[in-house]
């Protein structure tokens, strides 16, 4: 995991958090899988019984290994993945949106309020469109503006907020660096004036020095536009700098969740401790031996019985294999939730 070495100004962009904006209630997402036309269909259990609350104005972090279900959960909250069970409620000022029970018009309205910043700024932008057309596309597709002049005004305004010059709008994506392309992606996501943003590994493909610049921009925009983020990442050093609340995900389950400072200072779950021990440090006195997790993350097609982490846990319990053992969070301290099976 990389370590952010740039200057990240967090204290100057503190946002007051309010009531819940997103409520994820017992959400599971399954996919059908069939190896060939002869074999039987199987279920991929990508997300299992997730319960989280994302407060208005918060920077909510979601971390875990590749294959743990982070992106699937983010897409489910946006309505891009079908929810197999449970529900997601978006608490707007005017009304509540239930993502499991929305018609086409409700979904179009929700798209204006919830947007996605993609991971790869090189693949997310069409090489055949100018920057102006890329940023303006959501306005035209959603029919938010009524004239080209109004569209151009919205595009120029959000481009300036994302530190893009007017002359940049006439160019094509190939003329920009990775950090500039990511600012274009951010501008496109924000041009519809959303309230909720899912940032899916939005700095993972960037150089370390550029990561700090993009994170500062996201925090600044959060203050200016009153945004709420779901920040998906595998890099704990990044999450530690910007997130208010962090949820740790493993094989489709939330295994630990709590305020960022509390979770990093006093981790309870053995998986969280292993992730934190892998963060590199430039201070020799603070270096500690990393906790080794043997083997690979199990397949979501055939997850382990009982506790799904037992096959890699450095301190498995004698009852972890039991089929009656179920994953579930228990509150060990105010606001700090840990999977009850793996508390050390």
Foldseek 3Di string as FASTA:
>chain_A
DDAQDADADAVVQQDDWDAFQKWFFQWWAWDWDDPDPVGDIFIQGLAGGDTDTFTFLFAEEEAEDPSLNPVVVVCVLLLNGQTPDTWMWGDDPVHIDTSNDDDPVSNLVSLLAEFEQDQFLVPVFDQVAFLLCLLLVNCVVSVVDDDPVVSSVLLCVLCVLLVHDPVSRGHGPVVDDRLVSSSSSVSSRPSSLHAEYEYANRCVVDDSNSSSVVLNSVSVCCRVSSHTYYYYDHQLNSCLSHGQKYFYTANNDGFKIAGSVCCLVDPFFQVSQQSSLPHDDPDPVPRDDHDDFDDDRDGSRDAQAADSCQNRGPDADPCRNPNVHDWDWDDPDVRIIGTPRGGD
